[in-house]
Amino acid sequence: MICPNCNSRIENGNTTCPLCGAELGSVSRSGTRGRASKAYSAQAAGAGLFVGAAARAARASAAYSDGEIVSNRAYNGVLLGVLLWGLLANVLLCTFVHDLYSHISPTVFLIGYSLCAIAGIAISRRSRNPWISFLGYNLVVVPFGLMLSTVIEAYGGIDSKIVSDAFLYTLLIAVGISGAALAFPKLFEKLGGMLAGILFGLIICEVVLLILGRDQQITCWIAAGLFSVYLGYDVYRSQQFPKTLDNAVDSALDIYLDAANLFIRILSMLARSKRRD
């Protein structure tokens, strides 16, 4: 069987991992997958929609059979491939859909988008099947791409300089912060709770400013910085989960959401700067 904490291979009958000391329980190889699935389901039920710190802890501590664990190369290859698919899907939607709101009511679309995003995240987090998780991933990516096509069209289309610059800045930040997370993992290890608290406070601040009709330029900068760090944190976390194809897809969704939010914030800041000029 595989230790859920350090991913080392363990002989049958051991109750603790000889490398990290994690408690394993007396589970035989033949019963590992069934019991692990039940434990995972119980953790998922306790984590609501399976997002946030509780969700990550459940994913990191879940036990897996030997057949579910893949090599680091396969794991990171799937993670990167899923991310690139999300990017390609968004580019294609922005290229061919343009202004979605000319075809559908914004209210109807936003309701549908919210339902699809919530369902997609829940499906991806609760499933241990990578194909089902990939379906959930697409339920987030495709509606976001449709919404993004309308936003980008308002800024001159996908070929406009402001959109190209926003994409370039997002890409450079994503590559830089991901490299930092992989090179210096200890810097990102303790950030989870702090980032969640800052994000919660930022959301409240933006809602209040929206109600008061005040400019949100400062909060936009703060949000861009926050999602940059969040992206690095989720890249770090992606390497701490057991190396399964399902966790690769789930981690790709985490990183995609960070990058998508970062892109929107950078695009908004560039637009504000252009209007001032």
C-alpha atoms as a PDB file:
ATOM      1  CA  MET A   1       0.000   0.000   0.000  1.00  0.00           C
ATOM      2  CA  ILE A   2       0.970   3.673  -0.239  1.00  0.00           C
ATOM      3  CA  CYS A   3       1.431   6.026   2.708  1.00  0.00           C
ATOM      4  CA  PRO A   4      -1.097   8.896   2.314  1.00  0.00           C
ATOM      5  CA  ASN A   5       1.338  11.305   3.963  1.00  0.00           C
ATOM      6  CA  CYS A   6       4.670  10.757   2.189  1.00  0.00           C
ATOM      7  CA  ASN A   7       3.646   8.482  -0.724  1.00  0.00           C
ATOM      8  CA  SER A   8       6.229   5.819   0.196  1.00  0.00           C
ATOM      9  CA  ARG A   9       5.479   2.161  -0.537  1.00  0.00           C
ATOM     10  CA  ILE A  10       4.716   0.137   2.619  1.00  0.00           C
ATOM     11  CA  GLU A  11       4.618  -3.611   3.239  1.00  0.00           C
ATOM     12  CA  ASN A  12       1.267  -5.220   4.121  1.00  0.00           C
ATOM     13  CA  GLY A  13       0.510  -5.465   7.831  1.00  0.00           C
ATOM     14  CA  ASN A  14       2.298  -2.283   8.915  1.00  0.00           C
ATOM     15  CA  THR A  15       0.214   0.058  11.050  1.00  0.00           C
ATOM     16  CA  THR A  16       2.575   3.027  10.783  1.00  0.00           C
ATOM     17  CA  CYS A  17       4.760   4.353   7.972  1.00  0.00           C
ATOM     18  CA  PRO A  18       8.440   3.521   8.717  1.00  0.00           C
ATOM     19  CA  LEU A  19       9.561   6.767   7.019  1.00  0.00           C
ATOM     20  CA  CYS A  20       7.206   9.448   8.348  1.00  0.00           C
ATOM     21  CA  GLY A  21       5.439   7.635  11.215  1.00  0.00           C
ATOM     22  CA  ALA A  22       1.908   8.272   9.885  1.00  0.00           C
ATOM     23  CA  GLU A  23      -0.810   6.013  11.322  1.00  0.00           C
ATOM     24  CA  LEU A  24      -2.039   3.557   8.700  1.00  0.00           C
ATOM     25  CA  GLY A  25      -4.250   1.070  10.475  1.00  0.00           C
ATOM     26  CA  SER A  26      -4.208  -2.634   9.740  1.00  0.00           C
ATOM     27  CA  VAL A  27      -5.515  -2.545   6.172  1.00  0.00           C
ATOM     28  CA  SER A  28      -4.558  -5.282   3.731  1.00  0.00           C
ATOM     29  CA  ARG A  29      -3.673  -4.582   0.093  1.00  0.00           C
ATOM     30  CA  SER A  30      -6.901  -6.124  -1.177  1.00  0.00           C
ATOM     31  CA  GLY A  31      -9.033  -3.959   1.110  1.00  0.00           C
ATOM     32  CA  THR A  32      -7.163  -0.711   0.715  1.00  0.00           C
ATOM     33  CA  ARG A  33      -9.134   0.800  -2.132  1.00  0.00           C
ATOM     34  CA  GLY A  34     -12.609   0.066  -0.750  1.00  0.00           C
ATOM     35  CA  ARG A  35     -11.857   1.328   2.727  1.00  0.00           C
ATOM     36  CA  ALA A  36      -9.958   4.336   1.419  1.00  0.00           C
ATOM     37  CA  SER A  37     -12.906   5.258  -0.797  1.00  0.00           C
ATOM     38  CA  LYS A  38     -15.269   5.143   2.199  1.00  0.00           C
ATOM     39  CA  ALA A  39     -12.917   7.291   4.261  1.00  0.00           C
ATOM     40  CA  TYR A  40     -12.563   9.742   1.387  1.00  0.00           C
ATOM     41  CA  SER A  41     -16.347   9.933   0.949  1.00  0.00           C
ATOM     42  CA  ALA A  42     -16.796  10.661   4.664  1.00  0.00           C
ATOM     43  CA  GLN A  43     -14.200  13.409   4.516  1.00  0.00           C
ATOM     44  CA  ALA A  44     -15.834  14.868   1.417  1.00  0.00           C
ATOM     45  CA  ALA A  45     -19.255  14.914   3.067  1.00  0.00           C
ATOM     46  CA  GLY A  46     -17.806  16.783   6.035  1.00  0.00           C
ATOM     47  CA  ALA A  47     -16.175  19.355   3.766  1.00  0.00           C
ATOM     48  CA  GLY A  48     -19.377  20.633   2.158  1.00  0.00           C
ATOM     49  CA  LEU A  49     -18.659  21.437  -1.475  1.00  0.00           C
ATOM     50  CA  PHE A  50     -15.119  20.230  -0.878  1.00  0.00           C
ATOM     51  CA  VAL A  51     -13.307  23.551  -1.103  1.00  0.00           C
ATOM     52  CA  GLY A  52     -10.997  25.400   1.247  1.00  0.00           C
ATOM     53  CA  ALA A  53      -8.564  24.193   3.910  1.00  0.00           C
ATOM     54  CA  ALA A  54     -10.715  21.262   5.053  1.00  0.00           C
ATOM     55  CA  ALA A  55     -10.977  20.038   1.477  1.00  0.00           C
ATOM     56  CA  ARG A  56      -7.229  20.221   0.911  1.00  0.00           C
ATOM     57  CA  ALA A  57      -6.532  18.409   4.172  1.00  0.00           C
ATOM     58  CA  ALA A  58      -8.956  15.646   3.198  1.00  0.00           C
ATOM     59  CA  ARG A  59      -7.319  15.242  -0.207  1.00  0.00           C
ATOM     60  CA  ALA A  60      -3.827  15.191   1.297  1.00  0.00           C
ATOM     61  CA  SER A  61      -4.651  12.615   3.975  1.00  0.00           C
ATOM     62  CA  ALA A  62      -6.773  10.243   1.860  1.00  0.00           C
ATOM     63  CA  ALA A  63      -5.327   6.739   1.345  1.00  0.00           C
ATOM     64  CA  TYR A  64      -4.820   5.340  -2.149  1.00  0.00           C
ATOM     65  CA  SER A  65      -4.064   1.942  -3.615  1.00  0.00           C
ATOM     66  CA  ASP A  66      -0.887   1.244  -5.551  1.00  0.00           C
ATOM     67  CA  GLY A  67      -2.807   1.313  -8.826  1.00  0.00           C
ATOM     68  CA  GLU A  68      -3.966   4.886  -8.277  1.00  0.00           C
ATOM     69  CA  ILE A  69      -0.498   6.355  -7.710  1.00  0.00           C
ATOM     70  CA  VAL A  70       1.363   7.520 -10.830  1.00  0.00           C
ATOM     71  CA  SER A  71       4.853   8.891 -11.418  1.00  0.00           C
ATOM     72  CA  ASN A  72       5.698  12.544 -10.825  1.00  0.00           C
ATOM     73  CA  ARG A  73       6.142  12.988 -14.572  1.00  0.00           C
ATOM     74  CA  ALA A  74       2.698  11.568 -15.366  1.00  0.00           C
ATOM     75  CA  TYR A  75       1.064  13.552 -12.560  1.00  0.00           C
ATOM     76  CA  ASN A  76       2.558  16.903 -13.580  1.00  0.00           C
ATOM     77  CA  GLY A  77       2.044  16.120 -17.272  1.00  0.00           C
ATOM     78  CA  VAL A  78      -1.694  15.630 -16.719  1.00  0.00           C
ATOM     79  CA  LEU A  79      -1.870  18.730 -14.510  1.00  0.00           C
ATOM     80  CA  LEU A  80      -0.184  20.870 -17.171  1.00  0.00           C
ATOM     81  CA  GLY A  81      -2.233  19.324 -19.980  1.00  0.00           C
ATOM     82  CA  VAL A  82      -5.515  20.048 -18.197  1.00  0.00           C
ATOM     83  CA  LEU A  83      -4.410  23.641 -17.551  1.00  0.00           C
ATOM     84  CA  LEU A  84      -3.483  24.123 -21.213  1.00  0.00           C
ATOM     85  CA  TRP A  85      -6.825  22.688 -22.295  1.00  0.00           C
ATOM     86  CA  GLY A  86      -8.596  25.263 -20.122  1.00  0.00           C
ATOM     87  CA  LEU A  87      -6.530  28.041 -21.692  1.00  0.00           C
ATOM     88  CA  LEU A  88      -7.199  26.765 -25.226  1.00  0.00           C
ATOM     89  CA  ALA A  89     -10.927  26.453 -24.556  1.00  0.00           C
ATOM     90  CA  ASN A  90     -11.053  30.034 -23.283  1.00  0.00           C
ATOM     91  CA  VAL A  91      -9.096  31.360 -26.282  1.00  0.00           C
ATOM     92  CA  LEU A  92     -11.414  29.558 -28.730  1.00  0.00           C
ATOM     93  CA  LEU A  93     -14.533  30.835 -26.963  1.00  0.00           C
ATOM     94  CA  CYS A  94     -13.212  34.405 -26.903  1.00  0.00           C
ATOM     95  CA  THR A  95     -12.292  34.141 -30.597  1.00  0.00           C
ATOM     96  CA  PHE A  96     -15.619  32.845 -31.894  1.00  0.00           C
ATOM     97  CA  VAL A  97     -18.316  33.871 -29.390  1.00  0.00           C
ATOM     98  CA  HIS A  98     -17.539  37.593 -28.877  1.00  0.00           C
ATOM     99  CA  ASP A  99     -20.386  39.445 -27.106  1.00  0.00           C
ATOM    100  CA  LEU A 100     -22.501  36.757 -25.474  1.00  0.00           C
ATOM    101  CA  TYR A 101     -24.862  39.281 -23.881  1.00  0.00           C
ATOM    102  CA  SER A 102     -26.192  40.224 -27.314  1.00  0.00           C
ATOM    103  CA  HIS A 103     -27.678  36.727 -27.511  1.00  0.00           C
ATOM    104  CA  ILE A 104     -28.748  36.053 -23.914  1.00  0.00           C
ATOM    105  CA  SER A 105     -29.880  38.033 -20.901  1.00  0.00           C
ATOM    106  CA  PRO A 106     -26.949  38.863 -18.581  1.00  0.00           C
ATOM    107  CA  THR A 107     -29.038  37.862 -15.557  1.00  0.00           C
ATOM    108  CA  VAL A 108     -29.928  34.484 -17.062  1.00  0.00           C
ATOM    109  CA  PHE A 109     -26.307  33.848 -18.012  1.00  0.00           C
ATOM    110  CA  LEU A 110     -24.912  34.844 -14.604  1.00  0.00           C
ATOM    111  CA  ILE A 111     -27.363  32.518 -12.852  1.00  0.00           C
ATOM    112  CA  GLY A 112     -26.440  29.690 -15.215  1.00  0.00           C
ATOM    113  CA  TYR A 113     -22.734  30.452 -14.842  1.00  0.00           C
ATOM    114  CA  SER A 114     -22.940  30.376 -11.052  1.00  0.00           C
ATOM    115  CA  LEU A 115     -24.835  27.073 -11.037  1.00  0.00           C
ATOM    116  CA  CYS A 116     -22.393  25.482 -13.499  1.00  0.00           C
ATOM    117  CA  ALA A 117     -19.346  26.706 -11.564  1.00  0.00           C
ATOM    118  CA  ILE A 118     -20.665  25.436  -8.229  1.00  0.00           C
ATOM    119  CA  ALA A 119     -21.652  22.101  -9.775  1.00  0.00           C
ATOM    120  CA  GLY A 120     -18.308  21.794 -11.546  1.00  0.00           C
ATOM    121  CA  ILE A 121     -16.281  22.429  -8.387  1.00  0.00           C
ATOM    122  CA  ALA A 122     -18.435  20.020  -6.380  1.00  0.00           C
ATOM    123  CA  ILE A 123     -18.175  17.272  -9.029  1.00  0.00           C
ATOM    124  CA  SER A 124     -14.421  17.676  -9.361  1.00  0.00           C
ATOM    125  CA  ARG A 125     -13.782  17.676  -5.610  1.00  0.00           C
ATOM    126  CA  ARG A 126     -16.059  14.763  -4.717  1.00  0.00           C
ATOM    127  CA  SER A 127     -14.988  12.402  -7.483  1.00  0.00           C
ATOM    128  CA  ARG A 128     -11.965  10.103  -7.448  1.00  0.00           C
ATOM    129  CA  ASN A 129     -12.393   9.372 -11.141  1.00  0.00           C
ATOM    130  CA  PRO A 130     -10.159  11.722 -13.202  1.00  0.00           C
ATOM    131  CA  TRP A 131     -12.596  11.746 -16.141  1.00  0.00           C
ATOM    132  CA  ILE A 132     -15.506  12.802 -13.942  1.00  0.00           C
ATOM    133  CA  SER A 133     -13.283  15.443 -12.320  1.00  0.00           C
ATOM    134  CA  PHE A 134     -12.349  16.624 -15.812  1.00  0.00           C
ATOM    135  CA  LEU A 135     -16.064  16.997 -16.580  1.00  0.00           C
ATOM    136  CA  GLY A 136     -16.376  19.179 -13.475  1.00  0.00           C
ATOM    137  CA  TYR A 137     -13.332  21.161 -14.615  1.00  0.00           C
ATOM    138  CA  ASN A 138     -15.025  21.901 -17.939  1.00  0.00           C
ATOM    139  CA  LEU A 139     -18.217  22.983 -16.182  1.00  0.00           C
ATOM    140  CA  VAL A 140     -16.086  25.773 -14.697  1.00  0.00           C
ATOM    141  CA  VAL A 141     -13.862  26.530 -17.703  1.00  0.00           C
ATOM    142  CA  VAL A 142     -16.495  26.751 -20.451  1.00  0.00           C
ATOM    143  CA  PRO A 143     -18.938  29.151 -18.702  1.00  0.00           C
ATOM    144  CA  PHE A 144     -16.017  31.299 -17.576  1.00  0.00           C
ATOM    145  CA  GLY A 145     -14.758  31.434 -21.178  1.00  0.00           C
ATOM    146  CA  LEU A 146     -18.203  32.546 -22.351  1.00  0.00           C
ATOM    147  CA  MET A 147     -18.281  35.299 -19.738  1.00  0.00           C
ATOM    148  CA  LEU A 148     -14.699  36.271 -20.539  1.00  0.00           C
ATOM    149  CA  SER A 149     -15.525  36.592 -24.249  1.00  0.00           C
ATOM    150  CA  THR A 150     -17.990  39.371 -23.453  1.00  0.00           C
ATOM    151  CA  VAL A 151     -15.534  41.149 -21.138  1.00  0.00           C
ATOM    152  CA  ILE A 152     -12.727  40.959 -23.702  1.00  0.00           C
ATOM    153  CA  GLU A 153     -15.010  42.192 -26.477  1.00  0.00           C
ATOM    154  CA  ALA A 154     -15.675  45.321 -24.392  1.00  0.00           C
ATOM    155  CA  TYR A 155     -11.913  45.963 -24.350  1.00  0.00           C
ATOM    156  CA  GLY A 156     -11.519  45.716 -28.110  1.00  0.00           C
ATOM    157  CA  GLY A 157     -11.452  41.972 -28.701  1.00  0.00           C
ATOM    158  CA  ILE A 158      -8.914  39.231 -28.185  1.00  0.00           C
ATOM    159  CA  ASP A 159      -6.409  40.869 -30.570  1.00  0.00           C
ATOM    160  CA  SER A 160      -6.394  44.234 -28.790  1.00  0.00           C
ATOM    161  CA  LYS A 161      -3.206  45.444 -27.116  1.00  0.00           C
ATOM    162  CA  ILE A 162      -4.768  45.753 -23.681  1.00  0.00           C
ATOM    163  CA  VAL A 163      -5.930  42.108 -23.753  1.00  0.00           C
ATOM    164  CA  SER A 164      -2.580  40.910 -25.125  1.00  0.00           C
ATOM    165  CA  ASP A 165      -0.731  42.817 -22.403  1.00  0.00           C
ATOM    166  CA  ALA A 166      -3.007  41.418 -19.680  1.00  0.00           C
ATOM    167  CA  PHE A 167      -2.399  37.877 -20.951  1.00  0.00           C
ATOM    168  CA  LEU A 168       1.374  38.445 -21.119  1.00  0.00           C
ATOM    169  CA  TYR A 169       1.550  39.871 -17.596  1.00  0.00           C
ATOM    170  CA  THR A 170      -0.586  37.028 -16.242  1.00  0.00           C
ATOM    171  CA  LEU A 171       1.618  34.448 -17.968  1.00  0.00           C
ATOM    172  CA  LEU A 172       4.842  35.992 -16.670  1.00  0.00           C
ATOM    173  CA  ILE A 173       3.507  36.250 -13.124  1.00  0.00           C
ATOM    174  CA  ALA A 174       2.174  32.681 -13.248  1.00  0.00           C
ATOM    175  CA  VAL A 175       5.495  31.282 -14.486  1.00  0.00           C
ATOM    176  CA  GLY A 176       7.508  33.327 -11.996  1.00  0.00           C
ATOM    177  CA  ILE A 177       5.395  32.546  -8.940  1.00  0.00           C
ATOM    178  CA  SER A 178       5.132  28.861  -9.906  1.00  0.00           C
ATOM    179  CA  GLY A 179       8.900  28.656 -10.194  1.00  0.00           C
ATOM    180  CA  ALA A 180       9.270  30.289  -6.791  1.00  0.00           C
ATOM    181  CA  ALA A 181       6.767  27.858  -5.246  1.00  0.00           C
ATOM    182  CA  LEU A 182       8.671  24.853  -6.617  1.00  0.00           C
ATOM    183  CA  ALA A 183      12.117  26.226  -5.758  1.00  0.00           C
ATOM    184  CA  PHE A 184      11.220  27.517  -2.272  1.00  0.00           C
ATOM    185  CA  PRO A 185       8.294  25.416  -1.004  1.00  0.00           C
ATOM    186  CA  LYS A 186       8.891  26.380   2.632  1.00  0.00           C
ATOM    187  CA  LEU A 187       7.963  29.989   1.815  1.00  0.00           C
ATOM    188  CA  PHE A 188       4.448  28.903   0.782  1.00  0.00           C
ATOM    189  CA  GLU A 189       3.878  26.137   3.315  1.00  0.00           C
ATOM    190  CA  LYS A 190       2.125  28.242   5.973  1.00  0.00           C
ATOM    191  CA  LEU A 191       0.242  30.688   3.755  1.00  0.00           C
ATOM    192  CA  GLY A 192      -3.118  28.918   3.423  1.00  0.00           C
ATOM    193  CA  GLY A 193      -4.957  30.298   6.454  1.00  0.00           C
ATOM    194  CA  MET A 194      -3.547  33.802   6.041  1.00  0.00           C
ATOM    195  CA  LEU A 195      -4.529  33.975   2.352  1.00  0.00           C
ATOM    196  CA  ALA A 196      -8.054  32.775   3.098  1.00  0.00           C
ATOM    197  CA  GLY A 197      -8.462  35.451   5.769  1.00  0.00           C
ATOM    198  CA  ILE A 198      -7.194  38.213   3.466  1.00  0.00           C
ATOM    199  CA  LEU A 199      -9.477  37.049   0.645  1.00  0.00           C
ATOM    200  CA  PHE A 200     -12.515  37.056   2.943  1.00  0.00           C
ATOM    201  CA  GLY A 201     -11.721  40.565   4.138  1.00  0.00           C
ATOM    202  CA  LEU A 202     -11.115  41.753   0.587  1.00  0.00           C
ATOM    203  CA  ILE A 203     -14.490  40.446  -0.588  1.00  0.00           C
ATOM    204  CA  ILE A 204     -16.271  42.295   2.220  1.00  0.00           C
ATOM    205  CA  CYS A 205     -14.331  45.480   1.414  1.00  0.00           C
ATOM    206  CA  GLU A 206     -15.207  45.283  -2.299  1.00  0.00           C
ATOM    207  CA  VAL A 207     -18.901  44.702  -1.573  1.00  0.00           C
ATOM    208  CA  VAL A 208     -19.001  47.755   0.705  1.00  0.00           C
ATOM    209  CA  LEU A 209     -17.193  49.917  -1.869  1.00  0.00           C
ATOM    210  CA  LEU A 210     -19.554  48.691  -4.591  1.00  0.00           C
ATOM    211  CA  ILE A 211     -22.583  49.665  -2.507  1.00  0.00           C
ATOM    212  CA  LEU A 212     -21.069  53.088  -1.795  1.00  0.00           C
ATOM    213  CA  GLY A 213     -20.176  53.571  -5.469  1.00  0.00           C
ATOM    214  CA  ARG A 214     -16.498  54.197  -4.692  1.00  0.00           C
ATOM    215  CA  ASP A 215     -13.539  53.494  -6.972  1.00  0.00           C
ATOM    216  CA  GLN A 216     -11.880  50.128  -6.349  1.00  0.00           C
ATOM    217  CA  GLN A 217      -8.486  50.682  -7.912  1.00  0.00           C
ATOM    218  CA  ILE A 218      -6.589  49.979  -4.683  1.00  0.00           C
ATOM    219  CA  THR A 219      -8.545  46.815  -3.924  1.00  0.00           C
ATOM    220  CA  CYS A 220      -7.963  45.695  -7.515  1.00  0.00           C
ATOM    221  CA  TRP A 221      -4.198  45.941  -6.992  1.00  0.00           C
ATOM    222  CA  ILE A 222      -4.470  44.104  -3.680  1.00  0.00           C
ATOM    223  CA  ALA A 223      -6.565  41.377  -5.309  1.00  0.00           C
ATOM    224  CA  ALA A 224      -4.041  40.951  -8.129  1.00  0.00           C
ATOM    225  CA  GLY A 225      -1.254  40.504  -5.591  1.00  0.00           C
ATOM    226  CA  LEU A 226      -3.378  38.139  -3.532  1.00  0.00           C
ATOM    227  CA  PHE A 227      -4.267  35.873  -6.441  1.00  0.00           C
ATOM    228  CA  SER A 228      -0.627  35.872  -7.538  1.00  0.00           C
ATOM    229  CA  VAL A 229       0.399  34.489  -4.158  1.00  0.00           C
ATOM    230  CA  TYR A 230      -2.615  32.149  -4.133  1.00  0.00           C
ATOM    231  CA  LEU A 231      -1.449  30.751  -7.470  1.00  0.00           C
ATOM    232  CA  GLY A 232       1.986  30.031  -6.026  1.00  0.00           C
ATOM    233  CA  TYR A 233       0.419  28.463  -2.939  1.00  0.00           C
ATOM    234  CA  ASP A 234      -1.786  26.171  -5.027  1.00  0.00           C
ATOM    235  CA  VAL A 235       1.198  25.161  -7.176  1.00  0.00           C
ATOM    236  CA  TYR A 236       3.020  24.279  -3.940  1.00  0.00           C
ATOM    237  CA  ARG A 237      -0.022  22.367  -2.634  1.00  0.00           C
ATOM    238  CA  SER A 238      -0.384  20.449  -5.888  1.00  0.00           C
ATOM    239  CA  GLN A 239       2.951  18.756  -5.157  1.00  0.00           C
ATOM    240  CA  GLN A 240       1.904  17.743  -1.633  1.00  0.00           C
ATOM    241  CA  PHE A 241      -1.146  15.689  -2.625  1.00  0.00           C
ATOM    242  CA  PRO A 242      -0.797  11.977  -3.369  1.00  0.00           C
ATOM    243  CA  LYS A 243       0.208  11.670  -7.027  1.00  0.00           C
ATOM    244  CA  THR A 244      -3.018  10.414  -8.609  1.00  0.00           C
ATOM    245  CA  LEU A 245      -4.564  11.456 -11.917  1.00  0.00           C
ATOM    246  CA  ASP A 246      -7.659  12.689 -10.108  1.00  0.00           C
ATOM    247  CA  ASN A 247      -5.604  14.936  -7.820  1.00  0.00           C
ATOM    248  CA  ALA A 248      -3.785  16.254 -10.900  1.00  0.00           C
ATOM    249  CA  VAL A 249      -7.116  17.370 -12.392  1.00  0.00           C
ATOM    250  CA  ASP A 250      -8.298  18.833  -9.076  1.00  0.00           C
ATOM    251  CA  SER A 251      -5.033  20.746  -8.654  1.00  0.00           C
ATOM    252  CA  ALA A 252      -5.320  22.059 -12.210  1.00  0.00           C
ATOM    253  CA  LEU A 253      -8.743  23.471 -11.314  1.00  0.00           C
ATOM    254  CA  ASP A 254      -7.291  25.256  -8.262  1.00  0.00           C
ATOM    255  CA  ILE A 255      -4.504  26.827 -10.344  1.00  0.00           C
ATOM    256  CA  TYR A 256      -6.855  27.693 -13.237  1.00  0.00           C
ATOM    257  CA  LEU A 257      -9.192  29.613 -10.916  1.00  0.00           C
ATOM    258  CA  ASP A 258      -6.242  31.572  -9.481  1.00  0.00           C
ATOM    259  CA  ALA A 259      -4.923  32.428 -12.942  1.00  0.00           C
ATOM    260  CA  ALA A 260      -8.380  33.369 -14.238  1.00  0.00           C
ATOM    261  CA  ASN A 261      -8.976  35.755 -11.331  1.00  0.00           C
ATOM    262  CA  LEU A 262      -5.502  37.224 -11.758  1.00  0.00           C
ATOM    263  CA  PHE A 263      -6.108  37.836 -15.483  1.00  0.00           C
ATOM    264  CA  ILE A 264      -9.417  39.606 -14.816  1.00  0.00           C
ATOM    265  CA  ARG A 265      -7.800  41.874 -12.216  1.00  0.00           C
ATOM    266  CA  ILE A 266      -4.844  42.753 -14.444  1.00  0.00           C
ATOM    267  CA  LEU A 267      -7.178  43.459 -17.371  1.00  0.00           C
ATOM    268  CA  SER A 268      -9.241  45.773 -15.158  1.00  0.00           C
ATOM    269  CA  MET A 269      -6.150  47.635 -13.939  1.00  0.00           C
ATOM    270  CA  LEU A 270      -4.827  48.119 -17.473  1.00  0.00           C
ATOM    271  CA  ALA A 271      -8.226  49.415 -18.579  1.00  0.00           C
ATOM    272  CA  ARG A 272      -8.321  51.929 -15.728  1.00  0.00           C
ATOM    273  CA  SER A 273      -4.818  53.100 -16.569  1.00  0.00           C
ATOM    274  CA  LYS A 274      -5.741  53.539 -20.236  1.00  0.00           C
ATOM    275  CA  ARG A 275      -8.827  55.599 -19.379  1.00  0.00           C
ATOM    276  CA  ARG A 276      -6.734  57.950 -17.234  1.00  0.00           C
ATOM    277  CA  ASP A 277      -4.321  58.469 -20.145  1.00  0.00           C
END
